[in-house]
N, C-alpha and C. Protein backbone atom coordinates (compact mmCIF):
# COMPACT_ATOMS: atom_id res chain seq x y z
N MET A 1 -88.27 -54.05 -108.16
CA MET A 1 -88.88 -55.20 -108.80
C MET A 1 -88.78 -55.04 -110.31
N SER A 2 -88.54 -56.14 -110.97
CA SER A 2 -88.46 -56.12 -112.42
C SER A 2 -89.86 -56.20 -113.02
N GLU A 3 -89.96 -55.84 -114.29
CA GLU A 3 -91.25 -55.94 -114.96
C GLU A 3 -91.75 -57.37 -114.99
N ASP A 4 -90.82 -58.33 -115.13
CA ASP A 4 -91.22 -59.74 -115.14
C ASP A 4 -91.88 -60.14 -113.83
N GLU A 5 -91.41 -59.57 -112.71
CA GLU A 5 -91.98 -59.90 -111.42
C GLU A 5 -93.37 -59.29 -111.24
N LEU A 6 -93.69 -58.28 -112.02
CA LEU A 6 -94.97 -57.59 -111.86
C LEU A 6 -96.03 -58.06 -112.85
N LYS A 7 -95.75 -59.09 -113.61
CA LYS A 7 -96.74 -59.62 -114.54
C LYS A 7 -97.77 -60.43 -113.76
N GLU A 8 -99.03 -60.02 -113.89
CA GLU A 8 -100.09 -60.63 -113.11
C GLU A 8 -100.21 -62.13 -113.33
N ASP A 9 -99.93 -62.59 -114.53
CA ASP A 9 -100.10 -64.01 -114.82
C ASP A 9 -99.00 -64.88 -114.20
N THR A 10 -97.89 -64.29 -113.76
CA THR A 10 -96.82 -65.09 -113.16
C THR A 10 -96.48 -64.70 -111.72
N MET A 11 -96.97 -63.56 -111.27
CA MET A 11 -96.53 -63.10 -109.95
C MET A 11 -97.07 -63.93 -108.80
N PHE A 12 -98.08 -64.75 -109.03
CA PHE A 12 -98.63 -65.59 -107.97
C PHE A 12 -98.23 -67.06 -108.12
N SER A 13 -97.23 -67.31 -108.95
CA SER A 13 -96.72 -68.68 -109.06
C SER A 13 -95.98 -69.01 -107.77
N GLU A 14 -95.85 -70.30 -107.47
CA GLU A 14 -95.13 -70.73 -106.26
C GLU A 14 -93.70 -70.19 -106.27
N GLU A 15 -93.05 -70.22 -107.42
CA GLU A 15 -91.67 -69.74 -107.50
C GLU A 15 -91.60 -68.23 -107.22
N ALA A 16 -92.50 -67.46 -107.79
CA ALA A 16 -92.50 -66.01 -107.58
C ALA A 16 -92.82 -65.66 -106.13
N ILE A 17 -93.76 -66.39 -105.55
CA ILE A 17 -94.12 -66.14 -104.15
C ILE A 17 -92.95 -66.49 -103.23
N GLY A 18 -92.28 -67.60 -103.49
CA GLY A 18 -91.12 -67.98 -102.69
C GLY A 18 -90.02 -66.94 -102.77
N LYS A 19 -89.74 -66.46 -103.97
CA LYS A 19 -88.69 -65.45 -104.14
C LYS A 19 -89.07 -64.17 -103.41
N ARG A 20 -90.31 -63.75 -103.54
CA ARG A 20 -90.78 -62.52 -102.89
C ARG A 20 -90.77 -62.69 -101.36
N SER A 21 -91.16 -63.85 -100.89
CA SER A 21 -91.18 -64.10 -99.45
C SER A 21 -89.79 -63.99 -98.84
N ARG A 22 -88.80 -64.55 -99.55
CA ARG A 22 -87.42 -64.48 -99.04
C ARG A 22 -86.95 -63.03 -98.97
N SER A 23 -87.30 -62.25 -99.97
CA SER A 23 -86.93 -60.84 -99.97
C SER A 23 -87.67 -60.09 -98.87
N ALA A 24 -88.96 -60.37 -98.72
CA ALA A 24 -89.77 -59.69 -97.71
C ALA A 24 -89.33 -60.05 -96.29
N ALA A 25 -88.85 -61.26 -96.08
CA ALA A 25 -88.40 -61.67 -94.75
C ALA A 25 -87.16 -60.90 -94.32
N LEU A 26 -86.36 -60.49 -95.26
CA LEU A 26 -85.14 -59.75 -94.96
C LEU A 26 -85.43 -58.30 -94.54
N THR A 27 -86.55 -57.75 -95.00
CA THR A 27 -86.87 -56.34 -94.75
C THR A 27 -86.96 -55.99 -93.27
N PRO A 28 -87.76 -56.66 -92.44
CA PRO A 28 -87.80 -56.27 -91.03
C PRO A 28 -86.49 -56.53 -90.31
N PHE A 29 -85.76 -57.53 -90.74
CA PHE A 29 -84.47 -57.88 -90.15
C PHE A 29 -83.48 -56.73 -90.35
N LEU A 30 -83.28 -56.32 -91.60
CA LEU A 30 -82.35 -55.22 -91.89
C LEU A 30 -82.91 -53.88 -91.43
N GLY A 31 -84.23 -53.74 -91.49
CA GLY A 31 -84.86 -52.52 -90.99
C GLY A 31 -84.61 -52.32 -89.51
N ALA A 32 -84.69 -53.39 -88.74
CA ALA A 32 -84.43 -53.30 -87.29
C ALA A 32 -82.99 -52.90 -87.03
N ILE A 33 -82.06 -53.47 -87.78
CA ILE A 33 -80.65 -53.13 -87.60
C ILE A 33 -80.42 -51.67 -87.97
N ALA A 34 -81.01 -51.21 -89.06
CA ALA A 34 -80.87 -49.80 -89.47
C ALA A 34 -81.42 -48.87 -88.40
N PHE A 35 -82.57 -49.23 -87.82
CA PHE A 35 -83.18 -48.42 -86.75
C PHE A 35 -82.26 -48.35 -85.53
N LEU A 36 -81.74 -49.49 -85.13
CA LEU A 36 -80.85 -49.53 -83.97
C LEU A 36 -79.63 -48.65 -84.19
N LYS A 37 -79.06 -48.71 -85.40
CA LYS A 37 -77.91 -47.86 -85.72
C LYS A 37 -78.27 -46.38 -85.60
N LYS A 38 -79.40 -46.03 -86.17
CA LYS A 38 -79.82 -44.62 -86.18
C LYS A 38 -80.04 -44.11 -84.76
N LYS A 39 -80.56 -44.96 -83.89
CA LYS A 39 -80.87 -44.56 -82.51
C LYS A 39 -79.69 -44.82 -81.56
N ASN A 40 -78.58 -45.33 -82.13
CA ASN A 40 -77.39 -45.61 -81.33
C ASN A 40 -77.67 -46.61 -80.20
N ILE A 41 -78.42 -47.66 -80.56
CA ILE A 41 -78.74 -48.74 -79.63
C ILE A 41 -77.91 -49.95 -80.04
N SER A 42 -77.41 -50.68 -79.08
CA SER A 42 -76.52 -51.81 -79.35
C SER A 42 -77.21 -52.90 -80.20
N ILE A 43 -76.66 -53.12 -81.37
CA ILE A 43 -77.16 -54.18 -82.26
C ILE A 43 -76.87 -55.54 -81.64
N LYS A 44 -75.70 -55.67 -81.04
CA LYS A 44 -75.30 -56.94 -80.43
C LYS A 44 -76.23 -57.32 -79.28
N GLU A 45 -76.57 -56.36 -78.44
CA GLU A 45 -77.47 -56.64 -77.32
C GLU A 45 -78.88 -56.99 -77.81
N PHE A 46 -79.33 -56.32 -78.87
CA PHE A 46 -80.63 -56.64 -79.44
C PHE A 46 -80.63 -58.06 -80.00
N GLY A 47 -79.55 -58.42 -80.70
CA GLY A 47 -79.44 -59.78 -81.23
C GLY A 47 -79.49 -60.81 -80.12
N LYS A 48 -78.75 -60.55 -79.05
CA LYS A 48 -78.75 -61.47 -77.90
C LYS A 48 -80.15 -61.59 -77.31
N PHE A 49 -80.84 -60.46 -77.18
CA PHE A 49 -82.21 -60.43 -76.67
C PHE A 49 -83.13 -61.30 -77.55
N MET A 50 -83.01 -61.15 -78.86
CA MET A 50 -83.83 -61.94 -79.78
C MET A 50 -83.52 -63.43 -79.63
N GLY A 51 -82.25 -63.76 -79.45
CA GLY A 51 -81.87 -65.16 -79.26
C GLY A 51 -82.42 -65.74 -77.98
N GLU A 52 -82.41 -64.93 -76.90
CA GLU A 52 -82.94 -65.40 -75.62
C GLU A 52 -84.44 -65.68 -75.72
N ILE A 53 -85.15 -64.83 -76.43
CA ILE A 53 -86.60 -65.03 -76.60
C ILE A 53 -86.89 -66.24 -77.48
N SER A 54 -86.12 -66.40 -78.55
CA SER A 54 -86.44 -67.47 -79.51
C SER A 54 -85.83 -68.82 -79.16
N ALA A 55 -84.88 -68.87 -78.24
CA ALA A 55 -84.22 -70.15 -77.91
C ALA A 55 -85.22 -71.27 -77.59
N PRO A 56 -86.26 -71.02 -76.77
CA PRO A 56 -87.18 -72.12 -76.46
C PRO A 56 -87.93 -72.68 -77.67
N THR A 57 -87.98 -71.92 -78.77
CA THR A 57 -88.65 -72.45 -79.96
C THR A 57 -87.84 -73.56 -80.62
N TRP A 58 -86.61 -73.75 -80.16
CA TRP A 58 -85.74 -74.79 -80.67
C TRP A 58 -85.85 -76.08 -79.85
N ALA A 59 -86.84 -76.18 -78.98
CA ALA A 59 -86.98 -77.32 -78.08
C ALA A 59 -86.97 -78.66 -78.82
N LYS A 60 -87.64 -78.75 -79.95
CA LYS A 60 -87.70 -80.02 -80.69
C LYS A 60 -86.34 -80.41 -81.26
N ALA A 61 -85.42 -79.44 -81.34
CA ALA A 61 -84.09 -79.72 -81.88
C ALA A 61 -83.10 -80.16 -80.81
N LYS A 62 -83.50 -80.09 -79.53
CA LYS A 62 -82.60 -80.54 -78.47
C LYS A 62 -82.24 -82.00 -78.70
N GLY A 63 -80.96 -82.30 -78.62
CA GLY A 63 -80.50 -83.66 -78.83
C GLY A 63 -80.24 -84.00 -80.28
N ALA A 64 -80.58 -83.10 -81.21
CA ALA A 64 -80.33 -83.36 -82.63
C ALA A 64 -78.83 -83.29 -82.90
N SER A 65 -78.43 -83.88 -84.00
CA SER A 65 -77.01 -83.85 -84.38
C SER A 65 -76.59 -82.43 -84.74
N ALA A 66 -75.29 -82.20 -84.67
CA ALA A 66 -74.76 -80.89 -85.08
C ALA A 66 -75.11 -80.63 -86.55
N ARG A 67 -75.08 -81.67 -87.37
CA ARG A 67 -75.42 -81.52 -88.79
C ARG A 67 -76.86 -81.06 -88.96
N THR A 68 -77.77 -81.60 -88.18
CA THR A 68 -79.18 -81.19 -88.26
C THR A 68 -79.34 -79.73 -87.87
N ILE A 69 -78.64 -79.30 -86.82
CA ILE A 69 -78.72 -77.89 -86.41
C ILE A 69 -78.14 -77.01 -87.51
N ALA A 70 -77.06 -77.43 -88.13
CA ALA A 70 -76.48 -76.67 -89.24
C ALA A 70 -77.49 -76.57 -90.39
N MET A 71 -78.22 -77.65 -90.65
CA MET A 71 -79.23 -77.62 -91.69
C MET A 71 -80.31 -76.58 -91.37
N TYR A 72 -80.75 -76.53 -90.10
CA TYR A 72 -81.75 -75.54 -89.70
C TYR A 72 -81.21 -74.12 -89.83
N PHE A 73 -79.96 -73.90 -89.46
CA PHE A 73 -79.36 -72.58 -89.63
C PHE A 73 -79.34 -72.21 -91.11
N ALA A 74 -78.92 -73.14 -91.97
CA ALA A 74 -78.90 -72.89 -93.41
C ALA A 74 -80.30 -72.56 -93.92
N TRP A 75 -81.29 -73.29 -93.43
CA TRP A 75 -82.68 -73.06 -93.82
C TRP A 75 -83.10 -71.63 -93.46
N ASN A 76 -82.70 -71.16 -92.28
CA ASN A 76 -83.01 -69.79 -91.89
C ASN A 76 -82.39 -68.78 -92.83
N TYR A 77 -81.13 -69.01 -93.22
CA TYR A 77 -80.49 -68.08 -94.16
C TYR A 77 -81.19 -68.09 -95.51
N VAL A 78 -81.51 -69.27 -96.00
CA VAL A 78 -82.19 -69.39 -97.29
C VAL A 78 -83.57 -68.71 -97.23
N SER A 79 -84.27 -68.85 -96.10
CA SER A 79 -85.60 -68.25 -95.99
C SER A 79 -85.54 -66.71 -96.00
N MET A 80 -84.32 -66.17 -95.79
CA MET A 80 -84.16 -64.72 -95.86
C MET A 80 -83.35 -64.30 -97.09
N GLY A 81 -83.31 -65.16 -98.09
CA GLY A 81 -82.77 -64.77 -99.37
C GLY A 81 -81.40 -65.28 -99.75
N ALA A 82 -80.72 -66.02 -98.88
CA ALA A 82 -79.40 -66.53 -99.24
C ALA A 82 -79.53 -67.56 -100.36
N ASP A 83 -78.74 -67.41 -101.39
CA ASP A 83 -78.74 -68.37 -102.49
C ASP A 83 -77.53 -69.29 -102.41
N ASN A 84 -76.39 -68.73 -102.09
CA ASN A 84 -75.15 -69.51 -102.02
C ASN A 84 -74.95 -69.99 -100.60
N TYR A 85 -75.25 -71.25 -100.36
CA TYR A 85 -75.11 -71.79 -99.02
C TYR A 85 -74.71 -73.26 -99.11
N LYS A 86 -74.14 -73.75 -98.03
CA LYS A 86 -73.94 -75.18 -97.88
C LYS A 86 -73.81 -75.49 -96.40
N TYR A 87 -74.03 -76.73 -96.08
CA TYR A 87 -73.88 -77.20 -94.71
C TYR A 87 -73.47 -78.67 -94.77
N ASP A 88 -72.80 -79.10 -93.73
CA ASP A 88 -72.43 -80.51 -93.64
C ASP A 88 -71.91 -80.77 -92.24
N GLY A 89 -71.70 -82.01 -91.92
CA GLY A 89 -71.17 -82.35 -90.61
C GLY A 89 -71.62 -83.73 -90.18
N ASP A 90 -71.53 -83.95 -88.88
CA ASP A 90 -71.90 -85.23 -88.31
C ASP A 90 -72.59 -85.00 -86.97
N GLU A 91 -72.59 -85.99 -86.14
CA GLU A 91 -73.28 -85.91 -84.84
C GLU A 91 -72.72 -84.79 -83.96
N LYS A 92 -71.40 -84.64 -83.93
CA LYS A 92 -70.74 -83.74 -82.97
C LYS A 92 -70.32 -82.39 -83.55
N GLU A 93 -69.98 -82.33 -84.84
CA GLU A 93 -69.49 -81.09 -85.45
C GLU A 93 -70.12 -80.89 -86.81
N ALA A 94 -70.35 -79.62 -87.14
CA ALA A 94 -70.94 -79.29 -88.44
C ALA A 94 -70.58 -77.86 -88.79
N PHE A 95 -70.92 -77.47 -90.01
CA PHE A 95 -70.71 -76.09 -90.42
C PHE A 95 -71.82 -75.63 -91.35
N VAL A 96 -71.98 -74.33 -91.41
CA VAL A 96 -72.88 -73.66 -92.35
C VAL A 96 -72.04 -72.60 -93.04
N GLU A 97 -72.18 -72.49 -94.34
CA GLU A 97 -71.52 -71.42 -95.08
C GLU A 97 -72.53 -70.72 -95.96
N THR A 98 -72.37 -69.43 -96.04
CA THR A 98 -73.15 -68.64 -96.99
C THR A 98 -72.22 -67.58 -97.56
N ASP A 99 -72.47 -67.18 -98.77
CA ASP A 99 -71.61 -66.22 -99.44
C ASP A 99 -72.48 -65.19 -100.15
N ASN A 100 -72.02 -63.94 -100.09
CA ASN A 100 -72.70 -62.84 -100.78
C ASN A 100 -74.14 -62.67 -100.31
N TRP A 101 -74.34 -62.76 -99.01
CA TRP A 101 -75.67 -62.54 -98.44
C TRP A 101 -75.56 -61.60 -97.27
N PRO A 102 -76.41 -60.65 -97.17
CA PRO A 102 -77.25 -60.10 -98.23
C PRO A 102 -76.41 -59.39 -99.29
N SER A 103 -77.03 -59.05 -100.38
CA SER A 103 -76.30 -58.41 -101.48
C SER A 103 -75.84 -57.02 -101.06
N ASP A 104 -74.80 -56.56 -101.71
CA ASP A 104 -74.29 -55.21 -101.43
C ASP A 104 -75.37 -54.15 -101.65
N ASP A 105 -76.19 -54.34 -102.68
CA ASP A 105 -77.26 -53.37 -102.97
C ASP A 105 -78.26 -53.26 -101.82
N ILE A 106 -78.66 -54.41 -101.27
CA ILE A 106 -79.62 -54.41 -100.16
C ILE A 106 -79.00 -53.79 -98.92
N LEU A 107 -77.76 -54.16 -98.62
CA LEU A 107 -77.08 -53.57 -97.46
C LEU A 107 -76.98 -52.05 -97.60
N LYS A 108 -76.60 -51.61 -98.78
CA LYS A 108 -76.46 -50.17 -99.03
C LYS A 108 -77.80 -49.45 -98.88
N MET A 109 -78.85 -50.05 -99.41
CA MET A 109 -80.18 -49.43 -99.32
C MET A 109 -80.57 -49.18 -97.86
N TRP A 110 -80.26 -50.13 -96.98
CA TRP A 110 -80.63 -50.01 -95.57
C TRP A 110 -79.57 -49.28 -94.74
N GLY A 111 -78.40 -49.04 -95.33
CA GLY A 111 -77.33 -48.41 -94.57
C GLY A 111 -76.75 -49.34 -93.51
N VAL A 112 -76.75 -50.63 -93.82
CA VAL A 112 -76.27 -51.66 -92.91
C VAL A 112 -74.99 -52.25 -93.48
N THR A 113 -74.03 -52.51 -92.62
CA THR A 113 -72.76 -53.13 -93.04
C THR A 113 -72.73 -54.59 -92.62
N LEU A 114 -71.78 -55.32 -93.15
CA LEU A 114 -71.61 -56.71 -92.71
C LEU A 114 -71.23 -56.77 -91.24
N GLU A 115 -70.49 -55.79 -90.75
CA GLU A 115 -70.14 -55.74 -89.33
C GLU A 115 -71.39 -55.59 -88.48
N ASP A 116 -72.34 -54.75 -88.94
CA ASP A 116 -73.61 -54.60 -88.22
C ASP A 116 -74.34 -55.94 -88.19
N LEU A 117 -74.40 -56.60 -89.33
CA LEU A 117 -75.08 -57.89 -89.43
C LEU A 117 -74.42 -58.91 -88.51
N ASP A 118 -73.09 -58.92 -88.49
CA ASP A 118 -72.37 -59.86 -87.63
C ASP A 118 -72.66 -59.58 -86.16
N SER A 119 -72.81 -58.31 -85.78
CA SER A 119 -73.16 -57.98 -84.40
C SER A 119 -74.51 -58.55 -84.03
N PHE A 120 -75.46 -58.45 -84.95
CA PHE A 120 -76.80 -58.99 -84.70
C PHE A 120 -76.77 -60.50 -84.52
N MET A 121 -75.82 -61.16 -85.19
CA MET A 121 -75.77 -62.62 -85.13
C MET A 121 -75.38 -63.14 -83.75
N GLU A 122 -75.21 -62.24 -82.80
CA GLU A 122 -75.09 -62.65 -81.40
C GLU A 122 -76.35 -63.43 -81.01
N MET A 123 -77.39 -63.28 -81.82
CA MET A 123 -78.64 -64.00 -81.61
C MET A 123 -78.42 -65.51 -81.53
N ASN A 124 -77.45 -66.01 -82.27
CA ASN A 124 -77.20 -67.45 -82.29
C ASN A 124 -76.77 -68.01 -80.94
N GLN A 125 -76.03 -67.21 -80.16
CA GLN A 125 -75.41 -67.77 -78.95
C GLN A 125 -76.42 -68.28 -77.92
N PRO A 126 -77.47 -67.53 -77.57
CA PRO A 126 -78.44 -68.08 -76.61
C PRO A 126 -79.13 -69.35 -77.13
N ILE A 127 -79.35 -69.41 -78.43
CA ILE A 127 -79.96 -70.60 -79.03
C ILE A 127 -79.02 -71.79 -78.88
N LEU A 128 -77.76 -71.58 -79.20
CA LEU A 128 -76.78 -72.66 -79.09
C LEU A 128 -76.54 -73.05 -77.64
N ASP A 129 -76.56 -72.07 -76.73
CA ASP A 129 -76.46 -72.39 -75.30
C ASP A 129 -77.61 -73.30 -74.90
N TYR A 130 -78.80 -72.96 -75.35
CA TYR A 130 -80.01 -73.75 -75.06
C TYR A 130 -79.86 -75.18 -75.57
N LEU A 131 -79.19 -75.32 -76.73
CA LEU A 131 -79.02 -76.63 -77.35
C LEU A 131 -77.77 -77.36 -76.86
N GLY A 132 -76.99 -76.70 -75.98
CA GLY A 132 -75.77 -77.32 -75.47
C GLY A 132 -74.67 -77.38 -76.50
N MET A 133 -74.56 -76.34 -77.32
CA MET A 133 -73.58 -76.31 -78.40
C MET A 133 -72.75 -75.04 -78.33
N THR A 134 -71.66 -75.04 -79.07
CA THR A 134 -70.83 -73.85 -79.21
C THR A 134 -70.70 -73.52 -80.69
N GLN A 135 -70.25 -72.30 -80.96
CA GLN A 135 -70.06 -71.90 -82.34
C GLN A 135 -68.74 -71.15 -82.51
N GLU A 136 -68.23 -71.24 -83.71
CA GLU A 136 -67.14 -70.38 -84.16
C GLU A 136 -67.68 -69.63 -85.36
N TYR A 137 -67.82 -68.33 -85.22
CA TYR A 137 -68.43 -67.48 -86.25
C TYR A 137 -67.30 -66.74 -86.94
N LYS A 138 -67.18 -66.91 -88.24
CA LYS A 138 -66.06 -66.30 -88.96
C LYS A 138 -66.54 -65.76 -90.30
N ARG A 139 -66.13 -64.53 -90.59
CA ARG A 139 -66.43 -63.95 -91.90
C ARG A 139 -65.12 -63.54 -92.56
N VAL A 140 -64.97 -63.94 -93.81
CA VAL A 140 -63.86 -63.50 -94.63
C VAL A 140 -64.47 -62.90 -95.88
N GLY A 141 -64.35 -61.58 -95.99
CA GLY A 141 -65.02 -60.88 -97.09
C GLY A 141 -66.52 -61.06 -96.94
N LYS A 142 -67.17 -61.56 -97.98
CA LYS A 142 -68.62 -61.78 -97.94
C LYS A 142 -68.97 -63.23 -97.54
N LYS A 143 -67.96 -64.06 -97.33
CA LYS A 143 -68.20 -65.46 -96.99
C LYS A 143 -68.30 -65.62 -95.48
N LEU A 144 -69.40 -66.17 -95.03
CA LEU A 144 -69.65 -66.42 -93.62
C LEU A 144 -69.60 -67.92 -93.37
N THR A 145 -68.85 -68.31 -92.33
CA THR A 145 -68.80 -69.72 -91.92
C THR A 145 -69.12 -69.78 -90.43
N ILE A 146 -70.04 -70.64 -90.08
CA ILE A 146 -70.36 -70.90 -88.68
C ILE A 146 -70.07 -72.38 -88.43
N LYS A 147 -69.12 -72.64 -87.54
CA LYS A 147 -68.80 -74.01 -87.15
C LYS A 147 -69.50 -74.30 -85.84
N LEU A 148 -70.20 -75.40 -85.79
CA LEU A 148 -70.97 -75.79 -84.61
C LEU A 148 -70.36 -77.03 -83.98
N LYS A 149 -70.35 -77.08 -82.65
CA LYS A 149 -69.85 -78.24 -81.91
C LYS A 149 -70.78 -78.56 -80.76
N LYS A 150 -70.94 -79.85 -80.52
CA LYS A 150 -71.70 -80.32 -79.34
C LYS A 150 -70.75 -80.51 -78.19
């Protein structure tokens, strides 16, 4: 944390709280992946398990456009600290893109690689199955693109 973030008169501003919340939300996520790696437990299977448990929470999104689902995916990335993101699409097809998330420094601190993170993203599949959608998950360097189809 920077000294500016620790100033009592500004640390409880809405902007500071939002920034801190996004950083704090990433901690258990990357911490779980680091733990799984250390214990030699499948990250992909854990991600799938998390998706199976959370899929029913998407009930209100059933029947939504592919673009709306892409917006929700983007919202999830932003809530965990992604700054560079975009989404777009229509009723049947959409995409989400994020770049440079998480930062190299954060990944290094946790001992997590982008490949580890991508394995965890198996979480998306049970959710998309629940919603009657498919995905194409692609990473080139630090840029992640998820294409969604109904």
